[in-house]
Amino acid sequence: MPPLPPDSIVRACGPVPSHLYVLGERAGKKEHDQGVPFVGGAGQTLRKWFDLAKLDLDNFRRWNVCIDYKADNPKPLGWEIERDRLAVETDILRCQPNVIAAVGLHAMRWCLGRRFDLGTIHGREFEVQIGDHKAVCVPIYHPSTYGRIERAEMGKEDVLTVADCLTRMTRRTLIDPDGP
């Protein structure tokens, strides 16, 4: 597989370590132009959802399962996700998050595997292991489903679940540094 052109990669952004890791699908044009994940239209919607949950998206680490930008923002293909898996895993291991918010179908499948359907598991908590690190993954609807009002409402609720889980997991980590 040929290496990615360096100017096509949108790098991870946010603090290391980070209690929360927000894992999306692929950077859009605005993300590519600014070099920061989650600043385009869907990212702005996600920020509104985070604001409603009293969370500031900029306080957490953010990246995508597919780390490059392509014109017209096509859905990530399986081989692209696998190509980038090691880079994303390495970044997650550096961050040691308590919670991973998997934004959209591709991020959910990256964390949990193909056996799940986002429509039936969004907003639920799942223990995952990324390398030697354990975290809780909460799959959430992708903000681009905003045209479907019911999914947008569920997405907002999903982020509230992320906030609740983050509060519980962070408190647990502060009490027991070895984790659950």
C-alpha atoms as a PDB file:
ATOM      1  CA  MET A   1       0.000   0.000   0.000  1.00  0.00           C
ATOM      2  CA  PRO A   2       1.495   3.381  -0.949  1.00  0.00           C
ATOM      3  CA  PRO A   3       2.014   5.864   1.902  1.00  0.00           C
ATOM      4  CA  LEU A   4      -0.477   8.672   2.365  1.00  0.00           C
ATOM      5  CA  PRO A   5       0.510  12.052   0.979  1.00  0.00           C
ATOM      6  CA  PRO A   6       1.474  14.075   4.085  1.00  0.00           C
ATOM      7  CA  ASP A   7      -0.744  16.992   3.044  1.00  0.00           C
ATOM      8  CA  SER A   8      -3.824  14.730   3.061  1.00  0.00           C
ATOM      9  CA  ILE A   9      -3.528  13.737   6.730  1.00  0.00           C
ATOM     10  CA  VAL A  10      -5.558  15.580   9.361  1.00  0.00           C
ATOM     11  CA  ARG A  11      -3.730  14.928  12.630  1.00  0.00           C
ATOM     12  CA  ALA A  12      -5.220  14.188  16.032  1.00  0.00           C
ATOM     13  CA  CYS A  13      -5.916  17.222  18.157  1.00  0.00           C
ATOM     14  CA  GLY A  14      -6.433  17.847  21.858  1.00  0.00           C
ATOM     15  CA  PRO A  15      -4.683  17.134  25.136  1.00  0.00           C
ATOM     16  CA  VAL A  16      -2.611  14.068  25.963  1.00  0.00           C
ATOM     17  CA  PRO A  17      -3.570  12.427  28.263  1.00  0.00           C
ATOM     18  CA  SER A  18      -7.312  12.862  27.851  1.00  0.00           C
ATOM     19  CA  HIS A  19     -10.160  11.334  29.885  1.00  0.00           C
ATOM     20  CA  LEU A  20     -12.329  11.312  26.744  1.00  0.00           C
ATOM     21  CA  TYR A  21     -11.350  10.357  23.205  1.00  0.00           C
ATOM     22  CA  VAL A  22     -13.751  11.442  20.455  1.00  0.00           C
ATOM     23  CA  LEU A  23     -13.342   9.110  17.489  1.00  0.00           C
ATOM     24  CA  GLY A  24     -14.990  10.142  14.236  1.00  0.00           C
ATOM     25  CA  GLU A  25     -15.010   8.795  10.694  1.00  0.00           C
ATOM     26  CA  ARG A  26     -13.073  10.990   8.246  1.00  0.00           C
ATOM     27  CA  ALA A  27     -12.078  14.642   8.003  1.00  0.00           C
ATOM     28  CA  GLY A  28     -14.060  16.893   5.697  1.00  0.00           C
ATOM     29  CA  LYS A  29     -12.815  19.887   3.681  1.00  0.00           C
ATOM     30  CA  LYS A  30     -12.896  22.377   6.577  1.00  0.00           C
ATOM     31  CA  GLU A  31     -11.014  19.939   8.796  1.00  0.00           C
ATOM     32  CA  HIS A  32      -8.414  19.497   6.066  1.00  0.00           C
ATOM     33  CA  ASP A  33      -8.108  23.245   5.444  1.00  0.00           C
ATOM     34  CA  GLN A  34      -7.750  24.035   9.170  1.00  0.00           C
ATOM     35  CA  GLY A  35      -5.844  20.864  10.092  1.00  0.00           C
ATOM     36  CA  VAL A  36      -8.192  20.143  13.007  1.00  0.00           C
ATOM     37  CA  PRO A  37     -10.861  17.422  13.369  1.00  0.00           C
ATOM     38  CA  PHE A  38     -14.526  18.309  13.994  1.00  0.00           C
ATOM     39  CA  VAL A  39     -14.640  21.919  12.757  1.00  0.00           C
ATOM     40  CA  GLY A  40     -16.901  21.450   9.709  1.00  0.00           C
ATOM     41  CA  GLY A  41     -20.688  21.309   9.623  1.00  0.00           C
ATOM     42  CA  ALA A  42     -21.036  17.952  11.402  1.00  0.00           C
ATOM     43  CA  GLY A  43     -18.359  19.038  13.877  1.00  0.00           C
ATOM     44  CA  GLN A  44     -20.285  22.209  14.691  1.00  0.00           C
ATOM     45  CA  THR A  45     -23.398  20.133  15.365  1.00  0.00           C
ATOM     46  CA  LEU A  46     -21.365  17.793  17.573  1.00  0.00           C
ATOM     47  CA  ARG A  47     -20.040  20.826  19.467  1.00  0.00           C
ATOM     48  CA  LYS A  48     -23.620  21.942  20.118  1.00  0.00           C
ATOM     49  CA  TRP A  49     -24.451  18.495  21.460  1.00  0.00           C
ATOM     50  CA  PHE A  50     -21.366  18.632  23.707  1.00  0.00           C
ATOM     51  CA  ASP A  51     -22.334  22.124  24.890  1.00  0.00           C
ATOM     52  CA  LEU A  52     -25.774  20.823  25.891  1.00  0.00           C
ATOM     53  CA  ALA A  53     -24.004  18.150  27.959  1.00  0.00           C
ATOM     54  CA  LYS A  54     -21.810  20.866  29.539  1.00  0.00           C
ATOM     55  CA  LEU A  55     -18.687  19.486  27.857  1.00  0.00           C
ATOM     56  CA  ASP A  56     -16.182  21.473  25.807  1.00  0.00           C
ATOM     57  CA  LEU A  57     -15.064  19.392  22.822  1.00  0.00           C
ATOM     58  CA  ASP A  58     -11.719  21.261  22.780  1.00  0.00           C
ATOM     59  CA  ASN A  59     -10.874  19.808  26.215  1.00  0.00           C
ATOM     60  CA  PHE A  60     -10.638  16.291  24.765  1.00  0.00           C
ATOM     61  CA  ARG A  61      -8.566  14.379  22.230  1.00  0.00           C
ATOM     62  CA  ARG A  62     -10.172  14.027  18.787  1.00  0.00           C
ATOM     63  CA  TRP A  63      -9.346  12.047  15.668  1.00  0.00           C
ATOM     64  CA  ASN A  64     -10.859   9.833  12.991  1.00  0.00           C
ATOM     65  CA  VAL A  65     -10.703   6.148  12.050  1.00  0.00           C
ATOM     66  CA  CYS A  66      -9.651   7.245   8.564  1.00  0.00           C
ATOM     67  CA  ILE A  67      -6.951   9.878   9.014  1.00  0.00           C
ATOM     68  CA  ASP A  68      -6.792  11.330   5.511  1.00  0.00           C
ATOM     69  CA  TYR A  69      -8.950  13.812   3.650  1.00  0.00           C
ATOM     70  CA  LYS A  70     -10.431  13.033   0.263  1.00  0.00           C
ATOM     71  CA  ALA A  71     -12.435  15.417  -1.908  1.00  0.00           C
ATOM     72  CA  ASP A  72     -16.201  15.053  -1.517  1.00  0.00           C
ATOM     73  CA  ASN A  73     -15.612  13.329   1.859  1.00  0.00           C
ATOM     74  CA  PRO A  74     -16.435   9.721   0.838  1.00  0.00           C
ATOM     75  CA  LYS A  75     -17.292   7.181   3.516  1.00  0.00           C
ATOM     76  CA  PRO A  76     -14.199   5.391   4.813  1.00  0.00           C
ATOM     77  CA  LEU A  77     -13.533   2.065   3.138  1.00  0.00           C
ATOM     78  CA  GLY A  78     -12.549  -1.001   5.133  1.00  0.00           C
ATOM     79  CA  TRP A  79      -9.018  -1.091   3.763  1.00  0.00           C
ATOM     80  CA  GLU A  80      -8.522   2.614   4.601  1.00  0.00           C
ATOM     81  CA  ILE A  81      -9.657   2.055   8.172  1.00  0.00           C
ATOM     82  CA  GLU A  82      -7.306  -0.923   8.537  1.00  0.00           C
ATOM     83  CA  ARG A  83      -4.465   1.079   6.953  1.00  0.00           C
ATOM     84  CA  ASP A  84      -4.859   3.728   9.680  1.00  0.00           C
ATOM     85  CA  ARG A  85      -5.717   1.428  12.617  1.00  0.00           C
ATOM     86  CA  LEU A  86      -2.211   1.311  14.096  1.00  0.00           C
ATOM     87  CA  ALA A  87      -1.836   5.107  14.062  1.00  0.00           C
ATOM     88  CA  VAL A  88      -5.203   5.574  15.793  1.00  0.00           C
ATOM     89  CA  GLU A  89      -4.535   2.779  18.324  1.00  0.00           C
ATOM     90  CA  THR A  90      -1.153   4.303  19.137  1.00  0.00           C
ATOM     91  CA  ASP A  91      -2.751   7.703  19.731  1.00  0.00           C
ATOM     92  CA  ILE A  92      -5.449   6.207  21.966  1.00  0.00           C
ATOM     93  CA  LEU A  93      -2.786   4.364  23.970  1.00  0.00           C
ATOM     94  CA  ARG A  94      -0.895   7.654  24.429  1.00  0.00           C
ATOM     95  CA  CYS A  95      -4.068   9.330  25.703  1.00  0.00           C
ATOM     96  CA  GLN A  96      -5.244   6.574  28.066  1.00  0.00           C
ATOM     97  CA  PRO A  97      -8.897   7.701  27.901  1.00  0.00           C
ATOM     98  CA  ASN A  98     -11.520   6.449  30.332  1.00  0.00           C
ATOM     99  CA  VAL A  99     -14.221   6.881  27.685  1.00  0.00           C
ATOM    100  CA  ILE A 100     -14.251   6.731  23.894  1.00  0.00           C
ATOM    101  CA  ALA A 101     -17.154   8.427  22.109  1.00  0.00           C
ATOM    102  CA  ALA A 102     -17.452   6.534  18.807  1.00  0.00           C
ATOM    103  CA  VAL A 103     -19.094   9.034  16.442  1.00  0.00           C
ATOM    104  CA  GLY A 104     -20.952   7.223  13.678  1.00  0.00           C
ATOM    105  CA  LEU A 105     -21.126   3.732  12.229  1.00  0.00           C
ATOM    106  CA  HIS A 106     -17.491   3.409  11.137  1.00  0.00           C
ATOM    107  CA  ALA A 107     -16.096   4.581  14.489  1.00  0.00           C
ATOM    108  CA  MET A 108     -18.504   2.272  16.330  1.00  0.00           C
ATOM    109  CA  ARG A 109     -17.408  -0.687  14.224  1.00  0.00           C
ATOM    110  CA  TRP A 110     -13.745   0.273  14.690  1.00  0.00           C
ATOM    111  CA  CYS A 111     -14.199   0.036  18.464  1.00  0.00           C
ATOM    112  CA  LEU A 112     -16.720  -2.793  18.790  1.00  0.00           C
ATOM    113  CA  GLY A 113     -16.549  -4.873  15.626  1.00  0.00           C
ATOM    114  CA  ARG A 114     -18.969  -5.481  12.759  1.00  0.00           C
ATOM    115  CA  ARG A 115     -21.437  -7.554  14.739  1.00  0.00           C
ATOM    116  CA  PHE A 116     -23.248  -4.465  15.998  1.00  0.00           C
ATOM    117  CA  ASP A 117     -25.894  -2.199  14.491  1.00  0.00           C
ATOM    118  CA  LEU A 118     -25.608   1.459  15.548  1.00  0.00           C
ATOM    119  CA  GLY A 119     -29.391   1.848  15.565  1.00  0.00           C
ATOM    120  CA  THR A 120     -29.733  -0.708  18.353  1.00  0.00           C
ATOM    121  CA  ILE A 121     -26.704   0.129  20.506  1.00  0.00           C
ATOM    122  CA  HIS A 122     -26.163   3.897  20.290  1.00  0.00           C
ATOM    123  CA  GLY A 123     -25.923   5.557  23.677  1.00  0.00           C
ATOM    124  CA  ARG A 124     -25.001   2.332  25.492  1.00  0.00           C
ATOM    125  CA  GLU A 125     -21.742   1.657  27.305  1.00  0.00           C
ATOM    126  CA  PHE A 126     -19.356  -1.123  26.228  1.00  0.00           C
ATOM    127  CA  GLU A 127     -16.026  -2.076  27.749  1.00  0.00           C
ATOM    128  CA  VAL A 128     -13.363  -2.190  25.047  1.00  0.00           C
ATOM    129  CA  GLN A 129      -9.697  -3.011  24.953  1.00  0.00           C
ATOM    130  CA  ILE A 130      -7.419  -1.037  22.670  1.00  0.00           C
ATOM    131  CA  GLY A 131      -3.987  -2.649  22.844  1.00  0.00           C
ATOM    132  CA  ASP A 132      -3.348  -3.106  26.560  1.00  0.00           C
ATOM    133  CA  HIS A 133      -5.702  -0.253  27.555  1.00  0.00           C
ATOM    134  CA  LYS A 134      -9.289  -0.733  28.718  1.00  0.00           C
ATOM    135  CA  ALA A 135     -11.898   1.979  28.303  1.00  0.00           C
ATOM    136  CA  VAL A 136     -15.651   2.363  27.963  1.00  0.00           C
ATOM    137  CA  CYS A 137     -16.967   3.041  24.470  1.00  0.00           C
ATOM    138  CA  VAL A 138     -20.240   4.884  23.914  1.00  0.00           C
ATOM    139  CA  PRO A 139     -21.369   4.769  20.269  1.00  0.00           C
ATOM    140  CA  ILE A 140     -23.255   7.904  19.211  1.00  0.00           C
ATOM    141  CA  TYR A 141     -25.095   8.900  16.076  1.00  0.00           C
ATOM    142  CA  HIS A 142     -23.078  10.906  13.574  1.00  0.00           C
ATOM    143  CA  PRO A 143     -24.132  14.580  13.549  1.00  0.00           C
ATOM    144  CA  SER A 144     -24.655  14.494   9.776  1.00  0.00           C
ATOM    145  CA  THR A 145     -27.892  12.594  10.483  1.00  0.00           C
ATOM    146  CA  TYR A 146     -29.243  16.005  11.469  1.00  0.00           C
ATOM    147  CA  GLY A 147     -31.673  15.829   8.562  1.00  0.00           C
ATOM    148  CA  ARG A 148     -33.386  13.037  10.499  1.00  0.00           C
ATOM    149  CA  ILE A 149     -34.760  14.845  13.502  1.00  0.00           C
ATOM    150  CA  GLU A 150     -35.246  11.672  15.567  1.00  0.00           C
ATOM    151  CA  ARG A 151     -31.575  10.693  15.107  1.00  0.00           C
ATOM    152  CA  ALA A 152     -30.427  14.191  15.994  1.00  0.00           C
ATOM    153  CA  GLU A 153     -32.401  14.004  19.232  1.00  0.00           C
ATOM    154  CA  MET A 154     -30.927  10.576  19.943  1.00  0.00           C
ATOM    155  CA  GLY A 155     -27.456  11.950  19.194  1.00  0.00           C
ATOM    156  CA  LYS A 156     -27.951  14.666  21.795  1.00  0.00           C
ATOM    157  CA  GLU A 157     -29.066  12.019  24.307  1.00  0.00           C
ATOM    158  CA  ASP A 158     -26.073   9.863  23.395  1.00  0.00           C
ATOM    159  CA  VAL A 159     -23.697  12.720  24.252  1.00  0.00           C
ATOM    160  CA  LEU A 160     -25.460  13.123  27.610  1.00  0.00           C
ATOM    161  CA  THR A 161     -24.676   9.446  28.201  1.00  0.00           C
ATOM    162  CA  VAL A 162     -21.039  10.124  27.293  1.00  0.00           C
ATOM    163  CA  ALA A 163     -20.964  12.977  29.847  1.00  0.00           C
ATOM    164  CA  ASP A 164     -22.515  10.801  32.560  1.00  0.00           C
ATOM    165  CA  CYS A 165     -20.132   7.922  31.821  1.00  0.00           C
ATOM    166  CA  LEU A 166     -17.161  10.301  31.776  1.00  0.00           C
ATOM    167  CA  THR A 167     -18.154  11.708  35.181  1.00  0.00           C
ATOM    168  CA  ARG A 168     -18.497   8.228  36.697  1.00  0.00           C
ATOM    169  CA  MET A 169     -15.302   6.852  35.123  1.00  0.00           C
ATOM    170  CA  THR A 170     -13.219   9.913  35.986  1.00  0.00           C
ATOM    171  CA  ARG A 171     -14.437   9.816  39.576  1.00  0.00           C
ATOM    172  CA  ARG A 172     -13.588   6.097  39.760  1.00  0.00           C
ATOM    173  CA  THR A 173     -10.108   6.737  38.353  1.00  0.00           C
ATOM    174  CA  LEU A 174      -9.469   9.482  40.896  1.00  0.00           C
ATOM    175  CA  ILE A 175     -10.515   7.145  43.718  1.00  0.00           C
ATOM    176  CA  ASP A 176      -8.680   4.074  42.362  1.00  0.00           C
ATOM    177  CA  PRO A 177      -5.726   4.931  40.097  1.00  0.00           C
ATOM    178  CA  ASP A 178      -5.613   1.324  38.898  1.00  0.00           C
ATOM    179  CA  GLY A 179      -9.110   1.741  37.448  1.00  0.00           C
ATOM    180  CA  PRO A 180     -12.136  -0.529  37.665  1.00  0.00           C
END
